[in-house]
PDB file of all heavy atoms in Angstrom:
ATOM      1  N   TRP A   1     141.675  60.797  87.443  1.00  0.00           N
ATOM      2  CA  TRP A   1     140.310  60.242  87.242  1.00  0.00           C
ATOM      3  C   TRP A   1     140.067  59.974  85.785  1.00  0.00           C
ATOM      4  O   TRP A   1     140.396  60.779  84.887  1.00  0.00           O
ATOM      5  CB  TRP A   1     139.262  61.252  87.756  1.00  0.00           C
ATOM      6  CG  TRP A   1     137.842  60.758  87.488  1.00  0.00           C
ATOM      7  CD1 TRP A   1     137.118  60.994  86.384  1.00  0.00           C
ATOM      8  CD2 TRP A   1     137.048  59.985  88.349  1.00  0.00           C
ATOM      9  NE1 TRP A   1     135.893  60.423  86.496  1.00  0.00           N
ATOM     10  CE2 TRP A   1     135.823  59.799  87.691  1.00  0.00           C
ATOM     11  CE3 TRP A   1     137.251  59.451  89.677  1.00  0.00           C
ATOM     12  CZ2 TRP A   1     134.801  59.048  88.307  1.00  0.00           C
ATOM     13  CZ3 TRP A   1     136.258  58.708  90.228  1.00  0.00           C
ATOM     14  CH2 TRP A   1     135.011  58.543  89.521  1.00  0.00           C
ATOM     15  N   SER A   2     139.495  58.775  85.476  1.00  0.00           N
ATOM     16  CA  SER A   2     139.141  58.420  84.117  1.00  0.00           C
ATOM     17  C   SER A   2     137.676  58.069  84.058  1.00  0.00           C
ATOM     18  O   SER A   2     137.244  57.136  84.752  1.00  0.00           O
ATOM     19  CB  SER A   2     140.007  57.226  83.653  1.00  0.00           C
ATOM     20  OG  SER A   2     139.500  56.702  82.441  1.00  0.00           O
ATOM     21  N   ASP A   3     136.901  58.732  83.197  1.00  0.00           N
ATOM     22  CA  ASP A   3     135.531  58.400  82.988  1.00  0.00           C
ATOM     23  C   ASP A   3     135.364  56.976  82.440  1.00  0.00           C
ATOM     24  O   ASP A   3     134.409  56.271  82.772  1.00  0.00           O
ATOM     25  CB  ASP A   3     134.829  59.404  82.128  1.00  0.00           C
ATOM     26  CG  ASP A   3     134.613  60.758  82.790  1.00  0.00           C
ATOM     27  OD1 ASP A   3     134.518  60.774  84.074  1.00  0.00           O
ATOM     28  OD2 ASP A   3     134.524  61.782  82.105  1.00  0.00           O
ATOM     29  N   ASP A   4     136.292  56.650  81.535  1.00  0.00           N
ATOM     30  CA  ASP A   4     136.250  55.272  80.942  1.00  0.00           C
ATOM     31  C   ASP A   4     136.410  54.218  81.963  1.00  0.00           C
ATOM     32  O   ASP A   4     135.686  53.214  81.986  1.00  0.00           O
ATOM     33  CB  ASP A   4     137.317  55.124  79.875  1.00  0.00           C
ATOM     34  CG  ASP A   4     137.101  55.997  78.634  1.00  0.00           C
ATOM     35  OD1 ASP A   4     135.911  56.350  78.416  1.00  0.00           O
ATOM     36  OD2 ASP A   4     138.056  56.218  77.882  1.00  0.00           O
ATOM     37  N   VAL A   5     137.354  54.396  82.873  1.00  0.00           N
ATOM     38  CA  VAL A   5     137.610  53.389  83.893  1.00  0.00           C
ATOM     39  C   VAL A   5     136.463  53.435  84.920  1.00  0.00           C
ATOM     40  O   VAL A   5     136.126  52.354  85.432  1.00  0.00           O
ATOM     41  CB  VAL A   5     138.967  53.701  84.567  1.00  0.00           C
ATOM     42  CG1 VAL A   5     139.238  52.744  85.746  1.00  0.00           C
ATOM     43  CG2 VAL A   5     140.131  53.616  83.590  1.00  0.00           C
ATOM     44  N   ALA A   6     135.880  54.555  85.167  1.00  0.00           N
ATOM     45  CA  ALA A   6     134.778  54.657  86.148  1.00  0.00           C
ATOM     46  C   ALA A   6     133.606  53.879  85.597  1.00  0.00           C
ATOM     47  O   ALA A   6     132.835  53.252  86.388  1.00  0.00           O
ATOM     48  CB  ALA A   6     134.350  56.086  86.370  1.00  0.00           C
ATOM     49  N   ARG A   7     133.400  53.815  84.270  1.00  0.00           N
ATOM     50  CA  ARG A   7     132.275  53.045  83.720  1.00  0.00           C
ATOM     51  C   ARG A   7     132.466  51.588  83.980  1.00  0.00           C
ATOM     52  O   ARG A   7     131.481  50.848  84.254  1.00  0.00           O
ATOM     53  CB  ARG A   7     132.186  53.270  82.235  1.00  0.00           C
ATOM     54  CG  ARG A   7     131.445  54.588  81.864  1.00  0.00           C
ATOM     55  CD  ARG A   7     131.098  54.648  80.409  1.00  0.00           C
ATOM     56  NE  ARG A   7     132.284  54.945  79.574  1.00  0.00           N
ATOM     57  CZ  ARG A   7     132.601  56.192  79.308  1.00  0.00           C
ATOM     58  NH1 ARG A   7     131.957  57.252  79.754  1.00  0.00           N
ATOM     59  NH2 ARG A   7     133.655  56.430  78.547  1.00  0.00           N
ATOM     60  N   ILE A   8     133.709  51.118  83.979  1.00  0.00           N
ATOM     61  CA  ILE A   8     133.984  49.705  84.307  1.00  0.00           C
ATOM     62  C   ILE A   8     133.543  49.423  85.792  1.00  0.00           C
ATOM     63  O   ILE A   8     132.936  48.431  86.092  1.00  0.00           O
ATOM     64  CB  ILE A   8     135.440  49.345  84.100  1.00  0.00           C
ATOM     65  CG1 ILE A   8     135.878  49.629  82.647  1.00  0.00           C
ATOM     66  CG2 ILE A   8     135.759  47.916  84.451  1.00  0.00           C
ATOM     67  CD1 ILE A   8     137.369  49.514  82.433  1.00  0.00           C
ATOM     68  N   ALA A   9     133.986  50.313  86.644  1.00  0.00           N
ATOM     69  CA  ALA A   9     133.675  50.172  88.057  1.00  0.00           C
ATOM     70  C   ALA A   9     132.179  50.254  88.369  1.00  0.00           C
ATOM     71  O   ALA A   9     131.651  49.493  89.110  1.00  0.00           O
ATOM     72  CB  ALA A   9     134.461  51.280  88.834  1.00  0.00           C
ATOM     73  N   ARG A  10     131.537  51.210  87.700  1.00  0.00           N
ATOM     74  CA  ARG A  10     130.064  51.338  87.911  1.00  0.00           C
ATOM     75  C   ARG A  10     129.294  50.116  87.480  1.00  0.00           C
ATOM     76  O   ARG A  10     128.348  49.709  88.128  1.00  0.00           O
ATOM     77  CB  ARG A  10     129.563  52.579  87.171  1.00  0.00           C
ATOM     78  CG  ARG A  10     130.026  53.885  87.792  1.00  0.00           C
ATOM     79  CD  ARG A  10     129.360  55.083  87.124  1.00  0.00           C
ATOM     80  NE  ARG A  10     129.949  56.332  87.620  1.00  0.00           N
ATOM     81  CZ  ARG A  10     130.598  57.170  86.824  1.00  0.00           C
ATOM     82  NH1 ARG A  10     130.668  56.962  85.512  1.00  0.00           N
ATOM     83  NH2 ARG A  10     131.106  58.295  87.346  1.00  0.00           N
ATOM     84  N   LEU A  11     129.762  49.548  86.370  1.00  0.00           N
ATOM     85  CA  LEU A  11     129.082  48.321  85.895  1.00  0.00           C
ATOM     86  C   LEU A  11     129.041  47.211  86.937  1.00  0.00           C
ATOM     87  O   LEU A  11     128.041  46.599  87.222  1.00  0.00           O
ATOM     88  CB  LEU A  11     129.765  47.846  84.568  1.00  0.00           C
ATOM     89  CG  LEU A  11     129.248  46.517  84.038  1.00  0.00           C
ATOM     90  CD1 LEU A  11     127.776  46.542  83.653  1.00  0.00           C
ATOM     91  CD2 LEU A  11     130.139  46.038  82.901  1.00  0.00           C
ATOM     92  N   HIS A  12     130.241  47.067  87.572  1.00  0.00           N
ATOM     93  CA  HIS A  12     130.328  45.966  88.531  1.00  0.00           C
ATOM     94  C   HIS A  12     129.586  46.302  89.846  1.00  0.00           C
ATOM     95  O   HIS A  12     128.876  45.428  90.362  1.00  0.00           O
ATOM     96  CB  HIS A  12     131.802  45.691  88.880  1.00  0.00           C
ATOM     97  CG  HIS A  12     132.022  44.407  89.612  1.00  0.00           C
ATOM     98  ND1 HIS A  12     131.478  43.217  89.224  1.00  0.00           N
ATOM     99  CD2 HIS A  12     132.682  44.147  90.766  1.00  0.00           C
ATOM    100  CE1 HIS A  12     131.811  42.261  90.066  1.00  0.00           C
ATOM    101  NE2 HIS A  12     132.559  42.783  90.999  1.00  0.00           N
ATOM    102  N   SER A  13     129.700  47.541  90.265  1.00  0.00           N
ATOM    103  CA  SER A  13     128.915  47.889  91.516  1.00  0.00           C
ATOM    104  C   SER A  13     127.384  47.799  91.300  1.00  0.00           C
ATOM    105  O   SER A  13     126.686  47.305  92.158  1.00  0.00           O
ATOM    106  CB  SER A  13     129.275  49.338  91.929  1.00  0.00           C
ATOM    107  OG  SER A  13     130.565  49.383  92.460  1.00  0.00           O
ATOM    108  N   GLU A  14     126.949  48.217  90.128  1.00  0.00           N
ATOM    109  CA  GLU A  14     125.494  48.109  89.807  1.00  0.00           C
ATOM    110  C   GLU A  14     125.043  46.667  89.798  1.00  0.00           C
ATOM    111  O   GLU A  14     124.029  46.337  90.335  1.00  0.00           O
ATOM    112  CB  GLU A  14     125.200  48.785  88.473  1.00  0.00           C
ATOM    113  CG  GLU A  14     125.248  50.271  88.497  1.00  0.00           C
ATOM    114  CD  GLU A  14     123.981  50.872  89.138  1.00  0.00           C
ATOM    115  OE1 GLU A  14     122.955  50.143  89.214  1.00  0.00           O
ATOM    116  OE2 GLU A  14     124.062  52.048  89.532  1.00  0.00           O
ATOM    117  N   ASN A  15     125.861  45.819  89.195  1.00  0.00           N
ATOM    118  CA  ASN A  15     125.443  44.408  89.147  1.00  0.00           C
ATOM    119  C   ASN A  15     125.518  43.736  90.510  1.00  0.00           C
ATOM    120  O   ASN A  15     124.658  42.857  90.818  1.00  0.00           O
ATOM    121  CB  ASN A  15     126.319  43.656  88.156  1.00  0.00           C
ATOM    122  CG  ASN A  15     125.865  43.822  86.715  1.00  0.00           C
ATOM    123  OD1 ASN A  15     124.687  43.894  86.419  1.00  0.00           O
ATOM    124  ND2 ASN A  15     126.803  43.961  85.786  1.00  0.00           N
ATOM    125  N   MET A  16     126.489  44.079  91.330  1.00  0.00           N
ATOM    126  CA  MET A  16     126.521  43.539  92.690  1.00  0.00           C
ATOM    127  C   MET A  16     125.287  43.926  93.467  1.00  0.00           C
ATOM    128  O   MET A  16     124.689  43.161  94.206  1.00  0.00           O
ATOM    129  CB  MET A  16     127.769  43.946  93.420  1.00  0.00           C
ATOM    130  CG  MET A  16     129.060  43.232  92.931  1.00  0.00           C
ATOM    131  SD  MET A  16     130.497  43.475  94.041  1.00  0.00           S
ATOM    132  CE  MET A  16     130.836  45.240  93.857  1.00  0.00           C
ATOM    133  N   ALA A  17     124.903  45.224  93.300  1.00  0.00           N
ATOM    134  CA  ALA A  17     123.704  45.762  94.025  1.00  0.00           C
ATOM    135  C   ALA A  17     122.432  45.084  93.490  1.00  0.00           C
ATOM    136  O   ALA A  17     121.564  44.712  94.250  1.00  0.00           O
ATOM    137  CB  ALA A  17     123.691  47.272  93.898  1.00  0.00           C
ATOM    138  N   ASN A  18     122.307  45.031  92.188  1.00  0.00           N
ATOM    139  CA  ASN A  18     121.077  44.554  91.569  1.00  0.00           C
ATOM    140  C   ASN A  18     120.882  43.002  91.773  1.00  0.00           C
ATOM    141  O   ASN A  18     119.740  42.560  91.911  1.00  0.00           O
ATOM    142  CB  ASN A  18     121.039  44.847  90.101  1.00  0.00           C
ATOM    143  CG  ASN A  18     120.804  46.278  89.815  1.00  0.00           C
ATOM    144  OD1 ASN A  18     120.213  47.021  90.690  1.00  0.00           O
ATOM    145  ND2 ASN A  18     121.206  46.797  88.678  1.00  0.00           N
ATOM    146  N   TYR A  19     122.007  42.248  91.808  1.00  0.00           N
ATOM    147  CA  TYR A  19     121.874  40.779  91.867  1.00  0.00           C
ATOM    148  C   TYR A  19     122.360  40.255  93.251  1.00  0.00           C
ATOM    149  O   TYR A  19     122.431  39.025  93.419  1.00  0.00           O
ATOM    150  CB  TYR A  19     122.697  40.137  90.754  1.00  0.00           C
ATOM    151  CG  TYR A  19     122.153  40.484  89.377  1.00  0.00           C
ATOM    152  CD1 TYR A  19     122.656  41.473  88.640  1.00  0.00           C
ATOM    153  CD2 TYR A  19     121.051  39.769  88.871  1.00  0.00           C
ATOM    154  CE1 TYR A  19     122.110  41.836  87.346  1.00  0.00           C
ATOM    155  CE2 TYR A  19     120.548  40.050  87.625  1.00  0.00           C
ATOM    156  CZ  TYR A  19     121.056  41.099  86.889  1.00  0.00           C
ATOM    157  OH  TYR A  19     120.469  41.387  85.681  1.00  0.00           O
ATOM    158  N   ASN A  20     122.588  41.175  94.182  1.00  0.00           N
ATOM    159  CA  ASN A  20     122.854  40.782  95.582  1.00  0.00           C
ATOM    160  C   ASN A  20     123.965  39.734  95.729  1.00  0.00           C
ATOM    161  O   ASN A  20     123.782  38.634  96.261  1.00  0.00           O
ATOM    162  CB  ASN A  20     121.536  40.220  96.223  1.00  0.00           C
ATOM    163  CG  ASN A  20     121.687  40.117  97.755  1.00  0.00           C
ATOM    164  OD1 ASN A  20     122.381  40.934  98.356  1.00  0.00           O
ATOM    165  ND2 ASN A  20     120.971  39.175  98.301  1.00  0.00           N
ATOM    166  N   PHE A  21     125.156  40.080  95.235  1.00  0.00           N
ATOM    167  CA  PHE A  21     126.312  39.256  95.406  1.00  0.00           C
ATOM    168  C   PHE A  21     127.509  40.126  95.643  1.00  0.00           C
ATOM    169  O   PHE A  21     127.457  41.341  95.520  1.00  0.00           O
ATOM    170  CB  PHE A  21     126.560  38.367  94.166  1.00  0.00           C
ATOM    171  CG  PHE A  21     127.094  39.070  92.937  1.00  0.00           C
ATOM    172  CD1 PHE A  21     128.468  39.181  92.717  1.00  0.00           C
ATOM    173  CD2 PHE A  21     126.285  39.744  92.084  1.00  0.00           C
ATOM    174  CE1 PHE A  21     129.023  39.846  91.622  1.00  0.00           C
ATOM    175  CE2 PHE A  21     126.764  40.433  90.973  1.00  0.00           C
ATOM    176  CZ  PHE A  21     128.125  40.499  90.767  1.00  0.00           C
ATOM    177  N   PHE A  22     128.594  39.533  96.088  1.00  0.00           N
ATOM    178  CA  PHE A  22     129.812  40.300  96.398  1.00  0.00           C
ATOM    179  C   PHE A  22     131.026  39.464  96.015  1.00  0.00           C
ATOM    180  O   PHE A  22     131.350  38.491  96.695  1.00  0.00           O
ATOM    181  CB  PHE A  22     129.849  40.638  97.882  1.00  0.00           C
ATOM    182  CG  PHE A  22     130.987  41.548  98.235  1.00  0.00           C
ATOM    183  CD1 PHE A  22     131.015  42.891  97.826  1.00  0.00           C
ATOM    184  CD2 PHE A  22     132.097  41.096  98.959  1.00  0.00           C
ATOM    185  CE1 PHE A  22     132.047  43.716  98.147  1.00  0.00           C
ATOM    186  CE2 PHE A  22     133.149  41.906  99.293  1.00  0.00           C
ATOM    187  CZ  PHE A  22     133.120  43.227  98.846  1.00  0.00           C
ATOM    188  N   SER A  23     131.630  39.832  94.909  1.00  0.00           N
ATOM    189  CA  SER A  23     132.804  39.063  94.388  1.00  0.00           C
ATOM    190  C   SER A  23     133.444  39.837  93.267  1.00  0.00           C
ATOM    191  O   SER A  23     132.781  40.707  92.639  1.00  0.00           O
ATOM    192  CB  SER A  23     132.307  37.715  93.867  1.00  0.00           C
ATOM    193  OG  SER A  23     133.367  37.051  93.178  1.00  0.00           O
ATOM    194  N   HIS A  24     134.725  39.598  93.072  1.00  0.00           N
ATOM    195  CA  HIS A  24     135.365  40.183  91.870  1.00  0.00           C
ATOM    196  C   HIS A  24     134.799  39.566  90.575  1.00  0.00           C
ATOM    197  O   HIS A  24     134.773  40.258  89.563  1.00  0.00           O
ATOM    198  CB  HIS A  24     136.916  39.910  91.904  1.00  0.00           C
ATOM    199  CG  HIS A  24     137.595  40.789  92.905  1.00  0.00           C
ATOM    200  ND1 HIS A  24     137.757  42.160  92.679  1.00  0.00           N
ATOM    201  CD2 HIS A  24     138.195  40.542  94.052  1.00  0.00           C
ATOM    202  CE1 HIS A  24     138.465  42.659  93.672  1.00  0.00           C
ATOM    203  NE2 HIS A  24     138.720  41.702  94.583  1.00  0.00           N
ATOM    204  N   ALA A  25     134.396  38.348  90.643  1.00  0.00           N
ATOM    205  CA  ALA A  25     133.706  37.686  89.490  1.00  0.00           C
ATOM    206  C   ALA A  25     132.267  38.158  89.440  1.00  0.00           C
ATOM    207  O   ALA A  25     131.548  38.088  90.452  1.00  0.00           O
ATOM    208  CB  ALA A  25     133.839  36.179  89.570  1.00  0.00           C
ATOM    209  N   GLY A  26     131.798  38.555  88.291  1.00  0.00           N
ATOM    210  CA  GLY A  26     130.377  38.914  88.087  1.00  0.00           C
ATOM    211  C   GLY A  26     129.513  37.700  88.147  1.00  0.00           C
ATOM    212  O   GLY A  26     129.992  36.545  88.178  1.00  0.00           O
ATOM    213  N   VAL A  27     128.197  37.896  88.092  1.00  0.00           N
ATOM    214  CA  VAL A  27     127.264  36.805  88.082  1.00  0.00           C
ATOM    215  C   VAL A  27     127.450  35.925  86.792  1.00  0.00           C
ATOM    216  O   VAL A  27     127.029  34.762  86.774  1.00  0.00           O
ATOM    217  CB  VAL A  27     125.795  37.222  88.174  1.00  0.00           C
ATOM    218  CG1 VAL A  27     125.539  37.821  89.563  1.00  0.00           C
ATOM    219  CG2 VAL A  27     125.457  38.181  87.041  1.00  0.00           C
ATOM    220  N   ASP A  28     128.063  36.534  85.806  1.00  0.00           N
ATOM    221  CA  ASP A  28     128.340  35.783  84.557  1.00  0.00           C
ATOM    222  C   ASP A  28     129.747  35.199  84.508  1.00  0.00           C
ATOM    223  O   ASP A  28     130.179  34.658  83.494  1.00  0.00           O
ATOM    224  CB  ASP A  28     128.127  36.743  83.329  1.00  0.00           C
ATOM    225  CG  ASP A  28     128.860  38.066  83.525  1.00  0.00           C
ATOM    226  OD1 ASP A  28     129.667  38.131  84.451  1.00  0.00           O
ATOM    227  OD2 ASP A  28     128.532  38.964  82.749  1.00  0.00           O
ATOM    228  N   GLY A  29     130.516  35.322  85.606  1.00  0.00           N
ATOM    229  CA  GLY A  29     131.858  34.828  85.715  1.00  0.00           C
ATOM    230  C   GLY A  29     132.912  35.741  85.134  1.00  0.00           C
ATOM    231  O   GLY A  29     134.117  35.407  85.140  1.00  0.00           O
ATOM    232  N   LEU A  30     132.515  36.920  84.633  1.00  0.00           N
ATOM    233  CA  LEU A  30     133.515  37.818  84.078  1.00  0.00           C
ATOM    234  C   LEU A  30     134.304  38.570  85.166  1.00  0.00           C
ATOM    235  O   LEU A  30     133.725  38.872  86.221  1.00  0.00           O
ATOM    236  CB  LEU A  30     132.822  38.843  83.164  1.00  0.00           C
ATOM    237  CG  LEU A  30     132.065  38.231  81.953  1.00  0.00           C
ATOM    238  CD1 LEU A  30     131.429  39.346  81.120  1.00  0.00           C
ATOM    239  CD2 LEU A  30     132.957  37.349  81.121  1.00  0.00           C
ATOM    240  N   MET A  31     135.560  38.843  84.839  1.00  0.00           N
ATOM    241  CA  MET A  31     136.438  39.573  85.773  1.00  0.00           C
ATOM    242  C   MET A  31     136.652  41.029  85.260  1.00  0.00           C
ATOM    243  O   MET A  31     136.154  41.363  84.236  1.00  0.00           O
ATOM    244  CB  MET A  31     137.770  38.838  85.929  1.00  0.00           C
ATOM    245  CG  MET A  31     137.613  37.410  86.448  1.00  0.00           C
ATOM    246  SD  MET A  31     136.980  37.302  88.117  1.00  0.00           S
ATOM    247  CE  MET A  31     138.497  37.685  89.057  1.00  0.00           C
ATOM    248  N   VAL A  32     137.441  41.777  85.965  1.00  0.00           N
ATOM    249  CA  VAL A  32     137.600  43.155  85.645  1.00  0.00           C
ATOM    250  C   VAL A  32     138.237  43.398  84.214  1.00  0.00           C
ATOM    251  O   VAL A  32     137.822  44.258  83.539  1.00  0.00           O
ATOM    252  CB  VAL A  32     138.514  43.896  86.699  1.00  0.00           C
ATOM    253  CG1 VAL A  32     139.900  43.320  86.824  1.00  0.00           C
ATOM    254  CG2 VAL A  32     138.547  45.353  86.458  1.00  0.00           C
ATOM    255  N   ASN A  33     139.144  42.498  83.824  1.00  0.00           N
ATOM    256  CA  ASN A  33     139.702  42.618  82.495  1.00  0.00           C
ATOM    257  C   ASN A  33     138.644  42.345  81.417  1.00  0.00           C
ATOM    258  O   ASN A  33     138.632  42.976  80.370  1.00  0.00           O
ATOM    259  CB  ASN A  33     140.916  41.665  82.316  1.00  0.00           C
ATOM    260  CG  ASN A  33     140.475  40.204  82.520  1.00  0.00           C
ATOM    261  OD1 ASN A  33     140.012  39.843  83.595  1.00  0.00           O
ATOM    262  ND2 ASN A  33     140.657  39.339  81.529  1.00  0.00           N
ATOM    263  N   ASP A  34     137.664  41.413  81.713  1.00  0.00           N
ATOM    264  CA  ASP A  34     136.607  41.195  80.776  1.00  0.00           C
ATOM    265  C   ASP A  34     135.632  42.393  80.681  1.00  0.00           C
ATOM    266  O   ASP A  34     135.182  42.721  79.635  1.00  0.00           O
ATOM    267  CB  ASP A  34     135.785  39.943  81.228  1.00  0.00           C
ATOM    268  CG  ASP A  34     136.628  38.695  81.340  1.00  0.00           C
ATOM    269  OD1 ASP A  34     137.338  38.389  80.342  1.00  0.00           O
ATOM    270  OD2 ASP A  34     136.621  38.078  82.407  1.00  0.00           O
ATOM    271  N   ARG A  35     135.409  43.038  81.842  1.00  0.00           N
ATOM    272  CA  ARG A  35     134.559  44.210  81.839  1.00  0.00           C
ATOM    273  C   ARG A  35     135.228  45.364  81.106  1.00  0.00           C
ATOM    274  O   ARG A  35     134.571  46.155  80.430  1.00  0.00           O
ATOM    275  CB  ARG A  35     134.227  44.611  83.287  1.00  0.00           C
ATOM    276  CG  ARG A  35     133.310  43.568  83.952  1.00  0.00           C
ATOM    277  CD  ARG A  35     132.832  44.038  85.328  1.00  0.00           C
ATOM    278  NE  ARG A  35     133.832  43.880  86.344  1.00  0.00           N
ATOM    279  CZ  ARG A  35     134.045  42.756  87.032  1.00  0.00           C
ATOM    280  NH1 ARG A  35     133.306  41.685  86.765  1.00  0.00           N
ATOM    281  NH2 ARG A  35     134.954  42.712  88.018  1.00  0.00           N
ATOM    282  N   ALA A  36     136.567  45.444  81.183  1.00  0.00           N
ATOM    283  CA  ALA A  36     137.266  46.422  80.408  1.00  0.00           C
ATOM    284  C   ALA A  36     137.092  46.166  78.876  1.00  0.00           C
ATOM    285  O   ALA A  36     136.894  47.130  78.084  1.00  0.00           O
ATOM    286  CB  ALA A  36     138.749  46.425  80.777  1.00  0.00           C
ATOM    287  N   ASP A  37     137.195  44.930  78.514  1.00  0.00           N
ATOM    288  CA  ASP A  37     136.967  44.541  77.075  1.00  0.00           C
ATOM    289  C   ASP A  37     135.576  44.974  76.623  1.00  0.00           C
ATOM    290  O   ASP A  37     135.397  45.400  75.490  1.00  0.00           O
ATOM    291  CB  ASP A  37     137.146  43.032  76.913  1.00  0.00           C
ATOM    292  CG  ASP A  37     138.592  42.625  76.929  1.00  0.00           C
ATOM    293  OD1 ASP A  37     139.475  43.506  76.746  1.00  0.00           O
ATOM    294  OD2 ASP A  37     138.869  41.436  77.132  1.00  0.00           O
ATOM    295  N   PHE A  38     134.593  44.832  77.519  1.00  0.00           N
ATOM    296  CA  PHE A  38     133.189  45.179  77.167  1.00  0.00           C
ATOM    297  C   PHE A  38     133.085  46.636  76.780  1.00  0.00           C
ATOM    298  O   PHE A  38     132.317  46.965  75.907  1.00  0.00           O
ATOM    299  CB  PHE A  38     132.324  44.880  78.399  1.00  0.00           C
ATOM    300  CG  PHE A  38     130.868  45.215  78.189  1.00  0.00           C
ATOM    301  CD1 PHE A  38     130.097  44.609  77.206  1.00  0.00           C
ATOM    302  CD2 PHE A  38     130.282  46.212  78.979  1.00  0.00           C
ATOM    303  CE1 PHE A  38     128.775  44.960  77.061  1.00  0.00           C
ATOM    304  CE2 PHE A  38     128.962  46.524  78.849  1.00  0.00           C
ATOM    305  CZ  PHE A  38     128.195  45.942  77.855  1.00  0.00           C
ATOM    306  N   PHE A  39     133.903  47.483  77.405  1.00  0.00           N
ATOM    307  CA  PHE A  39     133.853  48.931  77.115  1.00  0.00           C
ATOM    308  C   PHE A  39     134.930  49.324  76.132  1.00  0.00           C
ATOM    309  O   PHE A  39     135.167  50.508  75.891  1.00  0.00           O
ATOM    310  CB  PHE A  39     134.020  49.723  78.380  1.00  0.00           C
ATOM    311  CG  PHE A  39     132.750  49.721  79.217  1.00  0.00           C
ATOM    312  CD1 PHE A  39     132.747  48.984  80.411  1.00  0.00           C
ATOM    313  CD2 PHE A  39     131.635  50.404  78.899  1.00  0.00           C
ATOM    314  CE1 PHE A  39     131.591  48.986  81.224  1.00  0.00           C
ATOM    315  CE2 PHE A  39     130.491  50.420  79.661  1.00  0.00           C
ATOM    316  CZ  PHE A  39     130.466  49.705  80.847  1.00  0.00           C
ATOM    317  N   GLY A  40     135.562  48.328  75.495  1.00  0.00           N
ATOM    318  CA  GLY A  40     136.515  48.640  74.422  1.00  0.00           C
ATOM    319  C   GLY A  40     137.890  49.084  74.939  1.00  0.00           C
ATOM    320  O   GLY A  40     138.688  49.626  74.167  1.00  0.00           O
ATOM    321  N   ILE A  41     138.176  48.802  76.226  1.00  0.00           N
ATOM    322  CA  ILE A  41     139.510  49.148  76.796  1.00  0.00           C
ATOM    323  C   ILE A  41     140.298  47.872  76.862  1.00  0.00           C
ATOM    324  O   ILE A  41     140.148  47.070  77.748  1.00  0.00           O
ATOM    325  CB  ILE A  41     139.330  49.779  78.188  1.00  0.00           C
ATOM    326  CG1 ILE A  41     138.447  51.023  78.113  1.00  0.00           C
ATOM    327  CG2 ILE A  41     140.694  50.109  78.818  1.00  0.00           C
ATOM    328  CD1 ILE A  41     138.099  51.648  79.450  1.00  0.00           C
ATOM    329  N   ASN A  42     141.161  47.702  75.883  1.00  0.00           N
ATOM    330  CA  ASN A  42     141.978  46.450  75.852  1.00  0.00           C
ATOM    331  C   ASN A  42     143.462  46.649  75.651  1.00  0.00           C
ATOM    332  O   ASN A  42     144.206  45.752  75.614  1.00  0.00           O
ATOM    333  CB  ASN A  42     141.452  45.508  74.756  1.00  0.00           C
ATOM    334  CG  ASN A  42     141.166  46.275  73.445  1.00  0.00           C
ATOM    335  OD1 ASN A  42     141.904  47.138  73.057  1.00  0.00           O
ATOM    336  ND2 ASN A  42     140.042  45.860  72.788  1.00  0.00           N
ATOM    337  N   LYS A  43     143.863  47.954  75.519  1.00  0.00           N
ATOM    338  CA  LYS A  43     145.270  48.242  75.322  1.00  0.00           C
ATOM    339  C   LYS A  43     145.854  48.708  76.710  1.00  0.00           C
ATOM    340  O   LYS A  43     146.018  49.930  76.907  1.00  0.00           O
ATOM    341  CB  LYS A  43     145.513  49.298  74.236  1.00  0.00           C
ATOM    342  CG  LYS A  43     145.088  48.773  72.845  1.00  0.00           C
ATOM    343  CD  LYS A  43     145.324  49.858  71.773  1.00  0.00           C
ATOM    344  CE  LYS A  43     144.954  49.304  70.427  1.00  0.00           C
ATOM    345  NZ  LYS A  43     145.155  50.338  69.394  1.00  0.00           N
TER     346      LYS A  43
END
């Protein structure tokens, strides 16, 4: 279990719930690798 990785997952689940969509791409077009970058996880 990684708290850092869980934050990436929570961000996407929260946005799917709040904006009523279901996709790997967020409402802004970002994918999981982009969300990792957002939290400073790029290595």
